[in-house]
PDB file of all heavy atoms in Angstrom:
ATOM      1  N   ASP A   1       0.834  -1.214   0.000  1.00  0.00           N
ATOM      2  CA  ASP A   1       0.000   0.000   0.000  1.00  0.00           C
ATOM      3  C   ASP A   1       0.863   1.257   0.000  1.00  0.00           C
ATOM      4  O   ASP A   1       0.561   2.228  -0.698  1.00  0.00           O
ATOM      5  CB  ASP A   1      -0.939   0.020   1.204  1.00  0.00           C
ATOM      6  CG  ASP A   1      -2.090  -0.963   1.076  1.00  0.00           C
ATOM      7  OD1 ASP A   1      -2.430  -1.348  -0.061  1.00  0.00           O
ATOM      8  OD2 ASP A   1      -2.654  -1.328   2.122  1.00  0.00           O
ATOM      9  N   ASP A   2       1.945   1.249   0.787  1.00  0.00           N
ATOM     10  CA  ASP A   2       2.871   2.381   0.802  1.00  0.00           C
ATOM     11  C   ASP A   2       3.465   2.610  -0.587  1.00  0.00           C
ATOM     12  O   ASP A   2       3.557   3.745  -1.065  1.00  0.00           O
ATOM     13  CB  ASP A   2       4.018   2.156   1.785  1.00  0.00           C
ATOM     14  CG  ASP A   2       3.624   2.221   3.244  1.00  0.00           C
ATOM     15  OD1 ASP A   2       2.522   2.727   3.549  1.00  0.00           O
ATOM     16  OD2 ASP A   2       4.428   1.742   4.079  1.00  0.00           O
ATOM     17  N   LEU A   3       3.905   1.520  -1.236  1.00  0.00           N
ATOM     18  CA  LEU A   3       4.503   1.640  -2.561  1.00  0.00           C
ATOM     19  C   LEU A   3       3.493   2.156  -3.579  1.00  0.00           C
ATOM     20  O   LEU A   3       3.836   2.965  -4.443  1.00  0.00           O
ATOM     21  CB  LEU A   3       5.061   0.296  -3.029  1.00  0.00           C
ATOM     22  CG  LEU A   3       6.374  -0.136  -2.401  1.00  0.00           C
ATOM     23  CD1 LEU A   3       6.761  -1.528  -2.901  1.00  0.00           C
ATOM     24  CD2 LEU A   3       7.485   0.857  -2.682  1.00  0.00           C
ATOM     25  N   ASP A   4       2.258   1.692  -3.492  1.00  0.00           N
ATOM     26  CA  ASP A   4       1.221   2.150  -4.398  1.00  0.00           C
ATOM     27  C   ASP A   4       0.995   3.654  -4.235  1.00  0.00           C
ATOM     28  O   ASP A   4       0.903   4.401  -5.217  1.00  0.00           O
ATOM     29  CB  ASP A   4      -0.067   1.371  -4.152  1.00  0.00           C
ATOM     30  CG  ASP A   4      -1.132   1.673  -5.171  1.00  0.00           C
ATOM     31  OD1 ASP A   4      -0.831   1.650  -6.386  1.00  0.00           O
ATOM     32  OD2 ASP A   4      -2.280   1.933  -4.765  1.00  0.00           O
ATOM     33  N   GLU A   5       0.940   4.095  -2.994  1.00  0.00           N
ATOM     34  CA  GLU A   5       0.751   5.520  -2.718  1.00  0.00           C
ATOM     35  C   GLU A   5       1.963   6.328  -3.179  1.00  0.00           C
ATOM     36  O   GLU A   5       1.827   7.397  -3.778  1.00  0.00           O
ATOM     37  CB  GLU A   5       0.494   5.728  -1.230  1.00  0.00           C
ATOM     38  CG  GLU A   5      -0.019   7.100  -0.897  1.00  0.00           C
ATOM     39  CD  GLU A   5      -0.511   7.219   0.540  1.00  0.00           C
ATOM     40  OE1 GLU A   5      -0.607   6.205   1.256  1.00  0.00           O
ATOM     41  OE2 GLU A   5      -0.797   8.358   0.933  1.00  0.00           O
ATOM     42  N   LEU A   6       3.155   5.808  -2.928  1.00  0.00           N
ATOM     43  CA  LEU A   6       4.378   6.481  -3.358  1.00  0.00           C
ATOM     44  C   LEU A   6       4.420   6.599  -4.879  1.00  0.00           C
ATOM     45  O   LEU A   6       4.792   7.650  -5.409  1.00  0.00           O
ATOM     46  CB  LEU A   6       5.608   5.730  -2.850  1.00  0.00           C
ATOM     47  CG  LEU A   6       6.969   6.329  -3.176  1.00  0.00           C
ATOM     48  CD1 LEU A   6       7.102   7.738  -2.595  1.00  0.00           C
ATOM     49  CD2 LEU A   6       8.080   5.423  -2.665  1.00  0.00           C
ATOM     50  N   ALA A   7       4.015   5.547  -5.584  1.00  0.00           N
ATOM     51  CA  ALA A   7       3.980   5.582  -7.049  1.00  0.00           C
ATOM     52  C   ALA A   7       3.061   6.708  -7.524  1.00  0.00           C
ATOM     53  O   ALA A   7       3.382   7.408  -8.496  1.00  0.00           O
ATOM     54  CB  ALA A   7       3.531   4.243  -7.617  1.00  0.00           C
ATOM     55  N   GLY A   8       1.941   6.892  -6.849  1.00  0.00           N
ATOM     56  CA  GLY A   8       1.033   7.977  -7.206  1.00  0.00           C
ATOM     57  C   GLY A   8       1.664   9.341  -7.017  1.00  0.00           C
ATOM     58  O   GLY A   8       1.523  10.239  -7.862  1.00  0.00           O
ATOM     59  N   PHE A   9       2.378   9.516  -5.905  1.00  0.00           N
ATOM     60  CA  PHE A   9       3.061  10.789  -5.650  1.00  0.00           C
ATOM     61  C   PHE A   9       4.133  11.052  -6.707  1.00  0.00           C
ATOM     62  O   PHE A   9       4.254  12.160  -7.225  1.00  0.00           O
ATOM     63  CB  PHE A   9       3.721  10.798  -4.269  1.00  0.00           C
ATOM     64  CG  PHE A   9       2.769  10.821  -3.113  1.00  0.00           C
ATOM     65  CD1 PHE A   9       3.079  10.144  -1.941  1.00  0.00           C
ATOM     66  CD2 PHE A   9       1.570  11.510  -3.162  1.00  0.00           C
ATOM     67  CE1 PHE A   9       2.216  10.155  -0.853  1.00  0.00           C
ATOM     68  CE2 PHE A   9       0.696  11.539  -2.084  1.00  0.00           C
ATOM     69  CZ  PHE A   9       1.031  10.857  -0.933  1.00  0.00           C
ATOM     70  N   VAL A  10       4.916  10.027  -7.025  1.00  0.00           N
ATOM     71  CA  VAL A  10       5.995  10.180  -8.002  1.00  0.00           C
ATOM     72  C   VAL A  10       5.415  10.496  -9.379  1.00  0.00           C
ATOM     73  O   VAL A  10       5.916  11.374 -10.094  1.00  0.00           O
ATOM     74  CB  VAL A  10       6.889   8.918  -8.042  1.00  0.00           C
ATOM     75  CG1 VAL A  10       7.910   9.000  -9.173  1.00  0.00           C
ATOM     76  CG2 VAL A  10       7.606   8.727  -6.703  1.00  0.00           C
ATOM     77  N   ALA A  11       4.348   9.799  -9.760  1.00  0.00           N
ATOM     78  CA  ALA A  11       3.712  10.046 -11.055  1.00  0.00           C
ATOM     79  C   ALA A  11       3.180  11.479 -11.135  1.00  0.00           C
ATOM     80  O   ALA A  11       3.326  12.145 -12.166  1.00  0.00           O
ATOM     81  CB  ALA A  11       2.591   9.042 -11.293  1.00  0.00           C
ATOM     82  N   ALA A  12       2.580  11.952 -10.055  1.00  0.00           N
ATOM     83  CA  ALA A  12       2.060  13.324 -10.032  1.00  0.00           C
ATOM     84  C   ALA A  12       3.191  14.337 -10.189  1.00  0.00           C
ATOM     85  O   ALA A  12       3.057  15.318 -10.940  1.00  0.00           O
ATOM     86  CB  ALA A  12       1.285  13.571  -8.736  1.00  0.00           C
ATOM     87  N   GLU A  13       4.290  14.096  -9.498  1.00  0.00           N
ATOM     88  CA  GLU A  13       5.436  15.002  -9.622  1.00  0.00           C
ATOM     89  C   GLU A  13       6.009  14.966 -11.035  1.00  0.00           C
ATOM     90  O   GLU A  13       6.391  15.996 -11.579  1.00  0.00           O
ATOM     91  CB  GLU A  13       6.525  14.655  -8.601  1.00  0.00           C
ATOM     92  CG  GLU A  13       6.156  15.002  -7.172  1.00  0.00           C
ATOM     93  CD  GLU A  13       5.914  16.496  -6.974  1.00  0.00           C
ATOM     94  OE1 GLU A  13       6.682  17.329  -7.505  1.00  0.00           O
ATOM     95  OE2 GLU A  13       4.945  16.833  -6.279  1.00  0.00           O
ATOM     96  N   ALA A  14       6.057  13.781 -11.636  1.00  0.00           N
ATOM     97  CA  ALA A  14       6.557  13.662 -13.005  1.00  0.00           C
ATOM     98  C   ALA A  14       5.665  14.439 -13.965  1.00  0.00           C
ATOM     99  O   ALA A  14       6.157  15.125 -14.873  1.00  0.00           O
ATOM    100  CB  ALA A  14       6.632  12.197 -13.420  1.00  0.00           C
ATOM    101  N   ASN A  15       4.364  14.361 -13.761  1.00  0.00           N
ATOM    102  CA  ASN A  15       3.422  15.059 -14.639  1.00  0.00           C
ATOM    103  C   ASN A  15       3.530  16.568 -14.530  1.00  0.00           C
ATOM    104  O   ASN A  15       3.206  17.283 -15.480  1.00  0.00           O
ATOM    105  CB  ASN A  15       1.984  14.621 -14.325  1.00  0.00           C
ATOM    106  CG  ASN A  15       1.699  13.218 -14.775  1.00  0.00           C
ATOM    107  OD1 ASN A  15       2.366  12.682 -15.656  1.00  0.00           O
ATOM    108  ND2 ASN A  15       0.709  12.595 -14.162  1.00  0.00           N
ATOM    109  N   HIS A  16       3.989  17.060 -13.389  1.00  0.00           N
ATOM    110  CA  HIS A  16       4.093  18.503 -13.189  1.00  0.00           C
ATOM    111  C   HIS A  16       5.510  19.044 -13.343  1.00  0.00           C
ATOM    112  O   HIS A  16       5.729  20.253 -13.216  1.00  0.00           O
ATOM    113  CB  HIS A  16       3.536  18.888 -11.809  1.00  0.00           C
ATOM    114  CG  HIS A  16       2.058  18.671 -11.711  1.00  0.00           C
ATOM    115  ND1 HIS A  16       1.514  17.522 -11.202  1.00  0.00           N
ATOM    116  CD2 HIS A  16       1.020  19.447 -12.096  1.00  0.00           C
ATOM    117  CE1 HIS A  16       0.199  17.606 -11.254  1.00  0.00           C
ATOM    118  NE2 HIS A  16      -0.126  18.762 -11.801  1.00  0.00           N
ATOM    119  N   ALA A  17       6.464  18.154 -13.595  1.00  0.00           N
ATOM    120  CA  ALA A  17       7.862  18.578 -13.719  1.00  0.00           C
ATOM    121  C   ALA A  17       8.054  19.397 -14.992  1.00  0.00           C
ATOM    122  O   ALA A  17       7.601  19.011 -16.068  1.00  0.00           O
ATOM    123  CB  ALA A  17       8.782  17.359 -13.730  1.00  0.00           C
ATOM    124  N   LYS A  18       8.698  20.520 -14.858  1.00  0.00           N
ATOM    125  CA  LYS A  18       8.973  21.369 -16.014  1.00  0.00           C
ATOM    126  C   LYS A  18      10.286  20.954 -16.685  1.00  0.00           C
ATOM    127  O   LYS A  18      10.473  21.168 -17.868  1.00  0.00           O
ATOM    128  CB  LYS A  18       9.021  22.826 -15.584  1.00  0.00           C
ATOM    129  CG  LYS A  18       7.687  23.293 -15.004  1.00  0.00           C
ATOM    130  CD  LYS A  18       7.570  24.771 -14.987  1.00  0.00           C
ATOM    131  CE  LYS A  18       6.312  25.250 -14.304  1.00  0.00           C
ATOM    132  NZ  LYS A  18       5.093  24.732 -14.811  1.00  0.00           N
ATOM    133  N   ASP A  19      11.173  20.340 -15.918  1.00  0.00           N
ATOM    134  CA  ASP A  19      12.459  19.878 -16.420  1.00  0.00           C
ATOM    135  C   ASP A  19      12.281  18.482 -17.030  1.00  0.00           C
ATOM    136  O   ASP A  19      11.869  17.551 -16.346  1.00  0.00           O
ATOM    137  CB  ASP A  19      13.458  19.840 -15.256  1.00  0.00           C
ATOM    138  CG  ASP A  19      14.839  19.409 -15.686  1.00  0.00           C
ATOM    139  OD1 ASP A  19      14.986  18.281 -16.171  1.00  0.00           O
ATOM    140  OD2 ASP A  19      15.780  20.204 -15.495  1.00  0.00           O
ATOM    141  N   LYS A  20      12.567  18.353 -18.320  1.00  0.00           N
ATOM    142  CA  LYS A  20      12.354  17.080 -19.035  1.00  0.00           C
ATOM    143  C   LYS A  20      13.225  15.952 -18.477  1.00  0.00           C
ATOM    144  O   LYS A  20      12.801  14.807 -18.422  1.00  0.00           O
ATOM    145  CB  LYS A  20      12.623  17.242 -20.533  1.00  0.00           C
ATOM    146  CG  LYS A  20      11.626  18.140 -21.222  1.00  0.00           C
ATOM    147  CD  LYS A  20      10.239  17.523 -21.177  1.00  0.00           C
ATOM    148  CE  LYS A  20       9.247  18.415 -21.885  1.00  0.00           C
ATOM    149  NZ  LYS A  20       7.880  17.936 -21.758  1.00  0.00           N
ATOM    150  N   LYS A  21      14.452  16.273 -18.059  1.00  0.00           N
ATOM    151  CA  LYS A  21      15.337  15.247 -17.490  1.00  0.00           C
ATOM    152  C   LYS A  21      14.753  14.724 -16.178  1.00  0.00           C
ATOM    153  O   LYS A  21      14.710  13.512 -15.943  1.00  0.00           O
ATOM    154  CB  LYS A  21      16.739  15.809 -17.264  1.00  0.00           C
ATOM    155  CG  LYS A  21      17.706  14.781 -16.719  1.00  0.00           C
ATOM    156  CD  LYS A  21      19.098  15.351 -16.526  1.00  0.00           C
ATOM    157  CE  LYS A  21      20.004  14.293 -15.913  1.00  0.00           C
ATOM    158  NZ  LYS A  21      21.312  14.826 -15.584  1.00  0.00           N
ATOM    159  N   LEU A  22      14.284  15.632 -15.327  1.00  0.00           N
ATOM    160  CA  LEU A  22      13.671  15.236 -14.064  1.00  0.00           C
ATOM    161  C   LEU A  22      12.413  14.419 -14.328  1.00  0.00           C
ATOM    162  O   LEU A  22      12.173  13.402 -13.680  1.00  0.00           O
ATOM    163  CB  LEU A  22      13.344  16.458 -13.208  1.00  0.00           C
ATOM    164  CG  LEU A  22      12.595  16.179 -11.902  1.00  0.00           C
ATOM    165  CD1 LEU A  22      13.412  15.263 -10.994  1.00  0.00           C
ATOM    166  CD2 LEU A  22      12.251  17.479 -11.206  1.00  0.00           C
ATOM    167  N   GLN A  23      11.607  14.849 -15.286  1.00  0.00           N
ATOM    168  CA  GLN A  23      10.391  14.126 -15.630  1.00  0.00           C
ATOM    169  C   GLN A  23      10.715  12.694 -16.054  1.00  0.00           C
ATOM    170  O   GLN A  23      10.065  11.744 -15.615  1.00  0.00           O
ATOM    171  CB  GLN A  23       9.647  14.843 -16.752  1.00  0.00           C
ATOM    172  CG  GLN A  23       8.347  14.166 -17.130  1.00  0.00           C
ATOM    173  CD  GLN A  23       7.625  14.890 -18.254  1.00  0.00           C
ATOM    174  OE1 GLN A  23       8.230  15.674 -18.995  1.00  0.00           O
ATOM    175  NE2 GLN A  23       6.349  14.639 -18.385  1.00  0.00           N
ATOM    176  N   LYS A  24      11.741  12.529 -16.867  1.00  0.00           N
ATOM    177  CA  LYS A  24      12.149  11.197 -17.320  1.00  0.00           C
ATOM    178  C   LYS A  24      12.610  10.336 -16.142  1.00  0.00           C
ATOM    179  O   LYS A  24      12.253   9.162 -16.039  1.00  0.00           O
ATOM    180  CB  LYS A  24      13.255  11.314 -18.369  1.00  0.00           C
ATOM    181  CG  LYS A  24      13.704   9.989 -18.927  1.00  0.00           C
ATOM    182  CD  LYS A  24      14.781  10.159 -19.977  1.00  0.00           C
ATOM    183  CE  LYS A  24      15.235   8.803 -20.479  1.00  0.00           C
ATOM    184  NZ  LYS A  24      16.288   8.916 -21.488  1.00  0.00           N
TER     185      LYS A  24
END
């Protein structure tokens, strides 16, 4: 459950990242 929630947080940050390298 922790990993599932963490994956959601990471995906959200990736979607909002302005830096393409960070997004990748």
